[in-house]
PDB file of N, CA and C in Angstrom:
ATOM      1  N   MET A   1      13.970 -46.958   0.890  1.00  0.00           N
ATOM      2  CA  MET A   1      15.353 -47.210   0.566  1.00  0.00           C
ATOM      3  C   MET A   1      15.430 -48.382  -0.407  1.00  0.00           C
ATOM      4  N   TYR A   2      16.305 -48.330  -1.369  1.00  0.00           N
ATOM      5  CA  TYR A   2      16.468 -49.388  -2.345  1.00  0.00           C
ATOM      6  C   TYR A   2      17.942 -49.514  -2.693  1.00  0.00           C
ATOM      7  N   GLN A   3      18.279 -50.634  -3.286  1.00  0.00           N
ATOM      8  CA  GLN A   3      19.655 -50.894  -3.694  1.00  0.00           C
ATOM      9  C   GLN A   3      19.759 -50.823  -5.212  1.00  0.00           C
ATOM     10  N   SER A   4      20.838 -50.260  -5.684  1.00  0.00           N
ATOM     11  CA  SER A   4      21.104 -50.171  -7.107  1.00  0.00           C
ATOM     12  C   SER A   4      22.317 -51.045  -7.411  1.00  0.00           C
ATOM     13  N   ASN A   5      22.202 -51.906  -8.442  1.00  0.00           N
ATOM     14  CA  ASN A   5      23.359 -52.746  -8.743  1.00  0.00           C
ATOM     15  C   ASN A   5      24.306 -52.045  -9.708  1.00  0.00           C
ATOM     16  N   SER A   6      25.423 -52.679  -9.991  1.00  0.00           N
ATOM     17  CA  SER A   6      26.467 -52.042 -10.794  1.00  0.00           C
ATOM     18  C   SER A   6      26.123 -51.950 -12.275  1.00  0.00           C
ATOM     19  N   ASN A   7      25.085 -52.663 -12.739  1.00  0.00           N
ATOM     20  CA  ASN A   7      24.687 -52.602 -14.142  1.00  0.00           C
ATOM     21  C   ASN A   7      23.966 -51.310 -14.479  1.00  0.00           C
ATOM     22  N   ASN A   8      23.595 -50.553 -13.490  1.00  0.00           N
ATOM     23  CA  ASN A   8      22.793 -49.350 -13.707  1.00  0.00           C
ATOM     24  C   ASN A   8      23.674 -48.150 -14.007  1.00  0.00           C
ATOM     25  N   TYR A   9      23.100 -47.222 -14.758  1.00  0.00           N
ATOM     26  CA  TYR A   9      23.737 -45.942 -15.025  1.00  0.00           C
ATOM     27  C   TYR A   9      22.885 -44.868 -14.363  1.00  0.00           C
ATOM     28  N   THR A  10      23.458 -44.172 -13.411  1.00  0.00           N
ATOM     29  CA  THR A  10      22.733 -43.127 -12.688  1.00  0.00           C
ATOM     30  C   THR A  10      22.911 -41.797 -13.402  1.00  0.00           C
ATOM     31  N   LEU A  11      21.801 -41.171 -13.749  1.00  0.00           N
ATOM     32  CA  LEU A  11      21.839 -39.862 -14.394  1.00  0.00           C
ATOM     33  C   LEU A  11      21.725 -38.748 -13.358  1.00  0.00           C
ATOM     34  N   LEU A  12      20.826 -38.913 -12.394  1.00  0.00           N
ATOM     35  CA  LEU A  12      20.619 -37.904 -11.351  1.00  0.00           C
ATOM     36  C   LEU A  12      20.634 -38.564  -9.987  1.00  0.00           C
ATOM     37  N   ASN A  13      21.273 -37.912  -9.017  1.00  0.00           N
ATOM     38  CA  ASN A  13      21.232 -38.364  -7.628  1.00  0.00           C
ATOM     39  C   ASN A  13      20.265 -37.500  -6.838  1.00  0.00           C
ATOM     40  N   GLN A  14      19.728 -38.080  -5.770  1.00  0.00           N
ATOM     41  CA  GLN A  14      18.778 -37.356  -4.932  1.00  0.00           C
ATOM     42  C   GLN A  14      19.486 -36.269  -4.120  1.00  0.00           C
ATOM     43  N   LYS A  15      18.729 -35.227  -3.853  1.00  0.00           N
ATOM     44  CA  LYS A  15      19.199 -34.131  -3.015  1.00  0.00           C
ATOM     45  C   LYS A  15      18.062 -33.796  -2.060  1.00  0.00           C
ATOM     46  N   VAL A  16      18.342 -33.797  -0.767  1.00  0.00           N
ATOM     47  CA  VAL A  16      17.346 -33.493   0.250  1.00  0.00           C
ATOM     48  C   VAL A  16      17.712 -32.143   0.846  1.00  0.00           C
ATOM     49  N   GLY A  17      16.925 -31.120   0.489  1.00  0.00           N
ATOM     50  CA  GLY A  17      17.268 -29.767   0.926  1.00  0.00           C
ATOM     51  C   GLY A  17      18.565 -29.345   0.263  1.00  0.00           C
ATOM     52  N   VAL A  18      19.591 -29.089   1.080  1.00  0.00           N
ATOM     53  CA  VAL A  18      20.899 -28.723   0.543  1.00  0.00           C
ATOM     54  C   VAL A  18      21.882 -29.885   0.613  1.00  0.00           C
ATOM     55  N   VAL A  19      21.428 -31.036   1.109  1.00  0.00           N
ATOM     56  CA  VAL A  19      22.293 -32.194   1.283  1.00  0.00           C
ATOM     57  C   VAL A  19      22.215 -33.093   0.050  1.00  0.00           C
ATOM     58  N   SER A  20      23.330 -33.283  -0.640  1.00  0.00           N
ATOM     59  CA  SER A  20      23.397 -34.203  -1.766  1.00  0.00           C
ATOM     60  C   SER A  20      23.640 -35.609  -1.242  1.00  0.00           C
ATOM     61  N   THR A  21      22.983 -36.587  -1.859  1.00  0.00           N
ATOM     62  CA  THR A  21      23.140 -37.974  -1.438  1.00  0.00           C
ATOM     63  C   THR A  21      23.707 -38.797  -2.592  1.00  0.00           C
ATOM     64  N   THR A  22      24.018 -40.043  -2.301  1.00  0.00           N
ATOM     65  CA  THR A  22      24.480 -40.954  -3.348  1.00  0.00           C
ATOM     66  C   THR A  22      23.342 -41.842  -3.835  1.00  0.00           C
ATOM     67  N   GLN A  23      22.135 -41.624  -3.349  1.00  0.00           N
ATOM     68  CA  GLN A  23      20.971 -42.396  -3.777  1.00  0.00           C
ATOM     69  C   GLN A  23      20.525 -41.909  -5.161  1.00  0.00           C
ATOM     70  N   PRO A  24      20.356 -42.828  -6.115  1.00  0.00           N
ATOM     71  CA  PRO A  24      19.926 -42.415  -7.451  1.00  0.00           C
ATOM     72  C   PRO A  24      18.499 -41.874  -7.461  1.00  0.00           C
ATOM     73  N   LEU A  25      18.293 -40.818  -8.219  1.00  0.00           N
ATOM     74  CA  LEU A  25      16.954 -40.285  -8.445  1.00  0.00           C
ATOM     75  C   LEU A  25      16.434 -40.774  -9.798  1.00  0.00           C
ATOM     76  N   LEU A  26      17.306 -40.748 -10.801  1.00  0.00           N
ATOM     77  CA  LEU A  26      16.953 -41.235 -12.129  1.00  0.00           C
ATOM     78  C   LEU A  26      18.068 -42.154 -12.592  1.00  0.00           C
ATOM     79  N   LEU A  27      17.706 -43.405 -12.849  1.00  0.00           N
ATOM     80  CA  LEU A  27      18.718 -44.355 -13.301  1.00  0.00           C
ATOM     81  C   LEU A  27      18.197 -45.177 -14.462  1.00  0.00           C
ATOM     82  N   PHE A  28      19.141 -45.701 -15.230  1.00  0.00           N
ATOM     83  CA  PHE A  28      18.838 -46.506 -16.409  1.00  0.00           C
ATOM     84  C   PHE A  28      19.467 -47.876 -16.254  1.00  0.00           C
ATOM     85  N   HIS A  29      18.810 -48.858 -16.871  1.00  0.00           N
ATOM     86  CA  HIS A  29      19.290 -50.232 -16.807  1.00  0.00           C
ATOM     87  C   HIS A  29      18.970 -50.905 -18.134  1.00  0.00           C
ATOM     88  N   GLU A  30      19.876 -51.764 -18.603  1.00  0.00           N
ATOM     89  CA  GLU A  30      19.618 -52.526 -19.813  1.00  0.00           C
ATOM     90  C   GLU A  30      19.844 -53.995 -19.515  1.00  0.00           C
ATOM     91  N   ASN A  31      18.855 -54.812 -19.883  1.00  0.00           N
ATOM     92  CA  ASN A  31      18.931 -56.242 -19.647  1.00  0.00           C
ATOM     93  C   ASN A  31      18.392 -56.962 -20.876  1.00  0.00           C
ATOM     94  N   ASN A  32      19.219 -57.776 -21.505  1.00  0.00           N
ATOM     95  CA  ASN A  32      18.839 -58.524 -22.709  1.00  0.00           C
ATOM     96  C   ASN A  32      18.300 -57.612 -23.813  1.00  0.00           C
ATOM     97  N   GLY A  33      18.927 -56.471 -24.010  1.00  0.00           N
ATOM     98  CA  GLY A  33      18.523 -55.537 -25.054  1.00  0.00           C
ATOM     99  C   GLY A  33      17.311 -54.693 -24.719  1.00  0.00           C
ATOM    100  N   ARG A  34      16.776 -54.849 -23.528  1.00  0.00           N
ATOM    101  CA  ARG A  34      15.596 -54.066 -23.107  1.00  0.00           C
ATOM    102  C   ARG A  34      16.039 -52.985 -22.129  1.00  0.00           C
ATOM    103  N   LYS A  35      15.796 -51.735 -22.503  1.00  0.00           N
ATOM    104  CA  LYS A  35      16.194 -50.606 -21.669  1.00  0.00           C
ATOM    105  C   LYS A  35      15.061 -50.227 -20.725  1.00  0.00           C
ATOM    106  N   GLN A  36      15.441 -49.859 -19.515  1.00  0.00           N
ATOM    107  CA  GLN A  36      14.464 -49.440 -18.516  1.00  0.00           C
ATOM    108  C   GLN A  36      14.987 -48.202 -17.805  1.00  0.00           C
ATOM    109  N   ALA A  37      14.067 -47.394 -17.313  1.00  0.00           N
ATOM    110  CA  ALA A  37      14.422 -46.217 -16.522  1.00  0.00           C
ATOM    111  C   ALA A  37      13.593 -46.227 -15.248  1.00  0.00           C
ATOM    112  N   VAL A  38      14.194 -45.718 -14.183  1.00  0.00           N
ATOM    113  CA  VAL A  38      13.492 -45.608 -12.901  1.00  0.00           C
ATOM    114  C   VAL A  38      13.660 -44.185 -12.405  1.00  0.00           C
ATOM    115  N   LEU A  39      12.543 -43.520 -12.164  1.00  0.00           N
ATOM    116  CA  LEU A  39      12.534 -42.207 -11.540  1.00  0.00           C
ATOM    117  C   LEU A  39      12.054 -42.428 -10.114  1.00  0.00           C
ATOM    118  N   ALA A  40      12.972 -42.394  -9.165  1.00  0.00           N
ATOM    119  CA  ALA A  40      12.661 -42.721  -7.776  1.00  0.00           C
ATOM    120  C   ALA A  40      12.368 -41.445  -6.991  1.00  0.00           C
ATOM    121  N   GLY A  41      11.296 -40.817  -7.360  1.00  0.00           N
ATOM    122  CA  GLY A  41      10.936 -39.580  -6.678  1.00  0.00           C
ATOM    123  C   GLY A  41       9.509 -39.201  -7.006  1.00  0.00           C
ATOM    124  N   GLU A  42       9.122 -38.069  -6.504  1.00  0.00           N
ATOM    125  CA  GLU A  42       7.776 -37.576  -6.765  1.00  0.00           C
ATOM    126  C   GLU A  42       7.861 -36.083  -7.035  1.00  0.00           C
ATOM    127  N   GLY A  43       6.787 -35.536  -7.543  1.00  0.00           N
ATOM    128  CA  GLY A  43       6.726 -34.093  -7.750  1.00  0.00           C
ATOM    129  C   GLY A  43       7.430 -33.612  -9.000  1.00  0.00           C
ATOM    130  N   PHE A  44       7.508 -34.475 -10.027  1.00  0.00           N
ATOM    131  CA  PHE A  44       8.139 -34.033 -11.267  1.00  0.00           C
ATOM    132  C   PHE A  44       7.416 -32.826 -11.860  1.00  0.00           C
ATOM    133  N   TRP A  45       6.137 -32.727 -11.586  1.00  0.00           N
ATOM    134  CA  TRP A  45       5.358 -31.588 -12.078  1.00  0.00           C
ATOM    135  C   TRP A  45       5.935 -30.265 -11.574  1.00  0.00           C
ATOM    136  N   ARG A  46       6.614 -30.291 -10.433  1.00  0.00           N
ATOM    137  CA  ARG A  46       7.245 -29.060  -9.912  1.00  0.00           C
ATOM    138  C   ARG A  46       8.418 -28.629 -10.790  1.00  0.00           C
ATOM    139  N   TRP A  47       9.123 -29.594 -11.404  1.00  0.00           N
ATOM    140  CA  TRP A  47      10.216 -29.257 -12.311  1.00  0.00           C
ATOM    141  C   TRP A  47       9.662 -28.465 -13.488  1.00  0.00           C
ATOM    142  N   ARG A  48       8.494 -28.889 -13.967  1.00  0.00           N
ATOM    143  CA  ARG A  48       7.853 -28.199 -15.083  1.00  0.00           C
ATOM    144  C   ARG A  48       7.463 -26.772 -14.701  1.00  0.00           C
ATOM    145  N   LEU A  49       6.910 -26.615 -13.510  1.00  0.00           N
ATOM    146  CA  LEU A  49       6.548 -25.275 -13.030  1.00  0.00           C
ATOM    147  C   LEU A  49       7.790 -24.396 -12.875  1.00  0.00           C
ATOM    148  N   SER A  50       8.846 -24.972 -12.341  1.00  0.00           N
ATOM    149  CA  SER A  50      10.096 -24.223 -12.169  1.00  0.00           C
ATOM    150  C   SER A  50      10.682 -23.829 -13.524  1.00  0.00           C
ATOM    151  N   ASP A  51      10.605 -24.719 -14.492  1.00  0.00           N
ATOM    152  CA  ASP A  51      11.080 -24.426 -15.846  1.00  0.00           C
ATOM    153  C   ASP A  51      10.307 -23.246 -16.427  1.00  0.00           C
ATOM    154  N   PHE A  52       8.995 -23.257 -16.262  1.00  0.00           N
ATOM    155  CA  PHE A  52       8.182 -22.157 -16.780  1.00  0.00           C
ATOM    156  C   PHE A  52       8.475 -20.862 -16.033  1.00  0.00           C
ATOM    157  N   ASN A  53       8.669 -20.955 -14.722  1.00  0.00           N
ATOM    158  CA  ASN A  53       8.973 -19.772 -13.917  1.00  0.00           C
ATOM    159  C   ASN A  53      10.308 -19.153 -14.329  1.00  0.00           C
ATOM    160  N   ASP A  54      11.303 -20.012 -14.623  1.00  0.00           N
ATOM    161  CA  ASP A  54      12.642 -19.521 -14.966  1.00  0.00           C
ATOM    162  C   ASP A  54      12.763 -19.048 -16.411  1.00  0.00           C
ATOM    163  N   HIS A  55      12.055 -19.719 -17.346  1.00  0.00           N
ATOM    164  CA  HIS A  55      12.269 -19.448 -18.770  1.00  0.00           C
ATOM    165  C   HIS A  55      11.032 -18.982 -19.521  1.00  0.00           C
ATOM    166  N   GLY A  56       9.870 -19.035 -18.884  1.00  0.00           N
ATOM    167  CA  GLY A  56       8.656 -18.600 -19.551  1.00  0.00           C
ATOM    168  C   GLY A  56       8.087 -19.633 -20.513  1.00  0.00           C
ATOM    169  N   ASN A  57       8.621 -20.851 -20.481  1.00  0.00           N
ATOM    170  CA  ASN A  57       8.103 -21.936 -21.330  1.00  0.00           C
ATOM    171  C   ASN A  57       8.481 -23.270 -20.697  1.00  0.00           C
ATOM    172  N   HIS A  58       8.042 -24.361 -21.326  1.00  0.00           N
ATOM    173  CA  HIS A  58       8.301 -25.711 -20.813  1.00  0.00           C
ATOM    174  C   HIS A  58       9.302 -26.468 -21.681  1.00  0.00           C
ATOM    175  N   ILE A  59      10.066 -25.759 -22.485  1.00  0.00           N
ATOM    176  CA  ILE A  59      10.925 -26.409 -23.476  1.00  0.00           C
ATOM    177  C   ILE A  59      11.946 -27.340 -22.829  1.00  0.00           C
ATOM    178  N   LEU A  60      12.636 -26.912 -21.788  1.00  0.00           N
ATOM    179  CA  LEU A  60      13.669 -27.749 -21.179  1.00  0.00           C
ATOM    180  C   LEU A  60      13.096 -29.022 -20.562  1.00  0.00           C
ATOM    181  N   SER A  61      12.011 -28.898 -19.846  1.00  0.00           N
ATOM    182  CA  SER A  61      11.423 -30.094 -19.224  1.00  0.00           C
ATOM    183  C   SER A  61      10.864 -31.038 -20.287  1.00  0.00           C
ATOM    184  N   GLN A  62      10.293 -30.504 -21.355  1.00  0.00           N
ATOM    185  CA  GLN A  62       9.794 -31.354 -22.435  1.00  0.00           C
ATOM    186  C   GLN A  62      10.942 -32.071 -23.145  1.00  0.00           C
ATOM    187  N   GLU A  63      12.017 -31.348 -23.436  1.00  0.00           N
ATOM    188  CA  GLU A  63      13.177 -31.959 -24.092  1.00  0.00           C
ATOM    189  C   GLU A  63      13.801 -33.035 -23.212  1.00  0.00           C
ATOM    190  N   PHE A  64      13.809 -32.817 -21.918  1.00  0.00           N
ATOM    191  CA  PHE A  64      14.360 -33.795 -20.985  1.00  0.00           C
ATOM    192  C   PHE A  64      13.579 -35.102 -21.058  1.00  0.00           C
ATOM    193  N   ILE A  65      12.263 -35.027 -20.965  1.00  0.00           N
ATOM    194  CA  ILE A  65      11.421 -36.217 -21.022  1.00  0.00           C
ATOM    195  C   ILE A  65      11.487 -36.864 -22.403  1.00  0.00           C
ATOM    196  N   LEU A  66      11.431 -36.077 -23.462  1.00  0.00           N
ATOM    197  CA  LEU A  66      11.502 -36.631 -24.812  1.00  0.00           C
ATOM    198  C   LEU A  66      12.826 -37.339 -25.065  1.00  0.00           C
ATOM    199  N   SER A  67      13.916 -36.812 -24.530  1.00  0.00           N
ATOM    200  CA  SER A  67      15.218 -37.460 -24.686  1.00  0.00           C
ATOM    201  C   SER A  67      15.252 -38.804 -23.976  1.00  0.00           C
ATOM    202  N   ILE A  68      14.651 -38.879 -22.803  1.00  0.00           N
ATOM    203  CA  ILE A  68      14.591 -40.144 -22.069  1.00  0.00           C
ATOM    204  C   ILE A  68      13.756 -41.166 -22.837  1.00  0.00           C
ATOM    205  N   VAL A  69      12.592 -40.745 -23.327  1.00  0.00           N
ATOM    206  CA  VAL A  69      11.719 -41.645 -24.084  1.00  0.00           C
ATOM    207  C   VAL A  69      12.411 -42.113 -25.356  1.00  0.00           C
ATOM    208  N   GLN A  70      13.095 -41.203 -26.036  1.00  0.00           N
ATOM    209  CA  GLN A  70      13.804 -41.578 -27.260  1.00  0.00           C
ATOM    210  C   GLN A  70      14.912 -42.580 -26.957  1.00  0.00           C
ATOM    211  N   TYR A  71      15.677 -42.360 -25.917  1.00  0.00           N
ATOM    212  CA  TYR A  71      16.736 -43.294 -25.541  1.00  0.00           C
ATOM    213  C   TYR A  71      16.165 -44.675 -25.239  1.00  0.00           C
ATOM    214  N   LEU A  72      15.052 -44.715 -24.528  1.00  0.00           N
ATOM    215  CA  LEU A  72      14.459 -45.996 -24.152  1.00  0.00           C
ATOM    216  C   LEU A  72      13.828 -46.720 -25.333  1.00  0.00           C
ATOM    217  N   SER A  73      13.344 -45.989 -26.325  1.00  0.00           N
ATOM    218  CA  SER A  73      12.614 -46.615 -27.417  1.00  0.00           C
ATOM    219  C   SER A  73      13.491 -47.037 -28.590  1.00  0.00           C
ATOM    220  N   VAL A  74      14.686 -46.478 -28.713  1.00  0.00           N
ATOM    221  CA  VAL A  74      15.561 -46.814 -29.838  1.00  0.00           C
ATOM    222  C   VAL A  74      16.253 -48.144 -29.574  1.00  0.00           C
ATOM    223  N   LYS A  75      16.136 -49.031 -30.543  1.00  0.00           N
ATOM    224  CA  LYS A  75      16.818 -50.321 -30.444  1.00  0.00           C
ATOM    225  C   LYS A  75      18.148 -50.216 -31.177  1.00  0.00           C
ATOM    226  N   GLU A  76      19.203 -50.595 -30.504  1.00  0.00           N
ATOM    227  CA  GLU A  76      20.523 -50.539 -31.110  1.00  0.00           C
ATOM    228  C   GLU A  76      20.733 -51.756 -31.995  1.00  0.00           C
ATOM    229  N   SER A  77      21.390 -51.535 -33.106  1.00  0.00           N
ATOM    230  CA  SER A  77      21.694 -52.632 -34.014  1.00  0.00           C
ATOM    231  C   SER A  77      22.892 -53.404 -33.469  1.00  0.00           C
ATOM    232  N   ARG A  78      22.745 -54.684 -33.320  1.00  0.00           N
ATOM    233  CA  ARG A  78      23.829 -55.543 -32.838  1.00  0.00           C
ATOM    234  C   ARG A  78      24.614 -56.157 -33.993  1.00  0.00           C
ATOM    235  N   SER A  79      24.240 -55.804 -35.216  1.00  0.00           N
ATOM    236  CA  SER A  79      24.894 -56.353 -36.388  1.00  0.00           C
ATOM    237  C   SER A  79      26.301 -55.770 -36.531  1.00  0.00           C
ATOM    238  N   PRO A  80      27.307 -56.615 -36.775  1.00  0.00           N
ATOM    239  CA  PRO A  80      28.674 -56.098 -36.917  1.00  0.00           C
ATOM    240  C   PRO A  80      28.901 -55.399 -38.251  1.00  0.00           C
ATOM    241  N   PHE A  81      27.995 -55.574 -39.205  1.00  0.00           N
ATOM    242  CA  PHE A  81      28.161 -54.996 -40.534  1.00  0.00           C
ATOM    243  C   PHE A  81      27.006 -54.054 -40.831  1.00  0.00           C
ATOM    244  N   LYS A  82      27.342 -52.816 -41.133  1.00  0.00           N
ATOM    245  CA  LYS A  82      26.319 -51.841 -41.496  1.00  0.00           C
ATOM    246  C   LYS A  82      26.653 -51.296 -42.876  1.00  0.00           C
ATOM    247  N   PHE A  83      25.660 -51.208 -43.707  1.00  0.00           N
ATOM    248  CA  PHE A  83      25.846 -50.710 -45.060  1.00  0.00           C
ATOM    249  C   PHE A  83      24.737 -49.716 -45.358  1.00  0.00           C
ATOM    250  N   ILE A  84      25.131 -48.512 -45.714  1.00  0.00           N
ATOM    251  CA  ILE A  84      24.164 -47.470 -46.055  1.00  0.00           C
ATOM    252  C   ILE A  84      24.345 -47.164 -47.541  1.00  0.00           C
ATOM    253  N   ALA A  85      23.261 -47.272 -48.290  1.00  0.00           N
ATOM    254  CA  ALA A  85      23.347 -47.057 -49.730  1.00  0.00           C
ATOM    255  C   ALA A  85      22.086 -46.385 -50.234  1.00  0.00           C
ATOM    256  N   LYS A  86      22.204 -45.827 -51.417  1.00  0.00           N
ATOM    257  CA  LYS A  86      21.035 -45.251 -52.075  1.00  0.00           C
ATOM    258  C   LYS A  86      20.129 -46.376 -52.548  1.00  0.00           C
ATOM    259  N   MET A  87      18.892 -46.066 -52.812  1.00  0.00           N
ATOM    260  CA  MET A  87      17.945 -47.071 -53.295  1.00  0.00           C
ATOM    261  C   MET A  87      18.128 -47.352 -54.785  1.00  0.00           C
ATOM    262  N   ASN A  88      18.509 -46.354 -55.542  1.00  0.00           N
ATOM    263  CA  ASN A  88      18.635 -46.509 -57.003  1.00  0.00           C
ATOM    264  C   ASN A  88      19.980 -45.968 -57.462  1.00  0.00           C
ATOM    265  N   TYR A  89      20.552 -46.653 -58.460  1.00  0.00           N
ATOM    266  CA  TYR A  89      21.797 -46.215 -59.078  1.00  0.00           C
ATOM    267  C   TYR A  89      21.596 -46.157 -60.588  1.00  0.00           C
ATOM    268  N   LYS A  90      22.333 -45.271 -61.221  1.00  0.00           N
ATOM    269  CA  LYS A  90      22.291 -45.198 -62.683  1.00  0.00           C
ATOM    270  C   LYS A  90      23.106 -46.348 -63.254  1.00  0.00           C
ATOM    271  N   GLU A  91      22.784 -46.688 -64.481  1.00  0.00           N
ATOM    272  CA  GLU A  91      23.414 -47.838 -65.123  1.00  0.00           C
ATOM    273  C   GLU A  91      24.922 -47.678 -65.255  1.00  0.00           C
ATOM    274  N   ASN A  92      25.399 -46.465 -65.508  1.00  0.00           N
ATOM    275  CA  ASN A  92      26.825 -46.244 -65.701  1.00  0.00           C
ATOM    276  C   ASN A  92      27.503 -45.626 -64.468  1.00  0.00           C
ATOM    277  N   GLU A  93      26.833 -45.603 -63.351  1.00  0.00           N
ATOM    278  CA  GLU A  93      27.376 -45.007 -62.137  1.00  0.00           C
ATOM    279  C   GLU A  93      28.339 -45.973 -61.435  1.00  0.00           C
ATOM    280  N   ASN A  94      29.512 -45.445 -61.040  1.00  0.00           N
ATOM    281  CA  ASN A  94      30.492 -46.263 -60.342  1.00  0.00           C
ATOM    282  C   ASN A  94      30.075 -46.460 -58.877  1.00  0.00           C
ATOM    283  N   LEU A  95      30.318 -47.643 -58.383  1.00  0.00           N
ATOM    284  CA  LEU A  95      30.067 -47.945 -56.974  1.00  0.00           C
ATOM    285  C   LEU A  95      31.389 -48.117 -56.265  1.00  0.00           C
ATOM    286  N   ILE A  96      31.545 -47.443 -55.139  1.00  0.00           N
ATOM    287  CA  ILE A  96      32.774 -47.538 -54.364  1.00  0.00           C
ATOM    288  C   ILE A  96      32.419 -48.069 -52.997  1.00  0.00           C
ATOM    289  N   PHE A  97      33.088 -49.173 -52.592  1.00  0.00           N
ATOM    290  CA  PHE A  97      32.849 -49.781 -51.282  1.00  0.00           C
ATOM    291  C   PHE A  97      34.032 -49.515 -50.382  1.00  0.00           C
TER     292      PHE A  97
END
């Protein structure tokens, strides 16, 4: 048993048999710009087997894990000003801001 504080975002809750609980299974936390995830369970390999059994491939389980890794690895820009521009401009080209 563990406690989850209010800073966490719960993506999945645990389910025991047919009983749904309020205990988080997969949760995310961010502290000082560092993102963390906790998978509080075991047997994730069974999800992969079930995915293959249902769809004949592992695409959904792979996309699920890749999405989590991508979310955790991307650093958000805290800068209030963002400017996207081309690298090169022609001499007579107008610039609009």
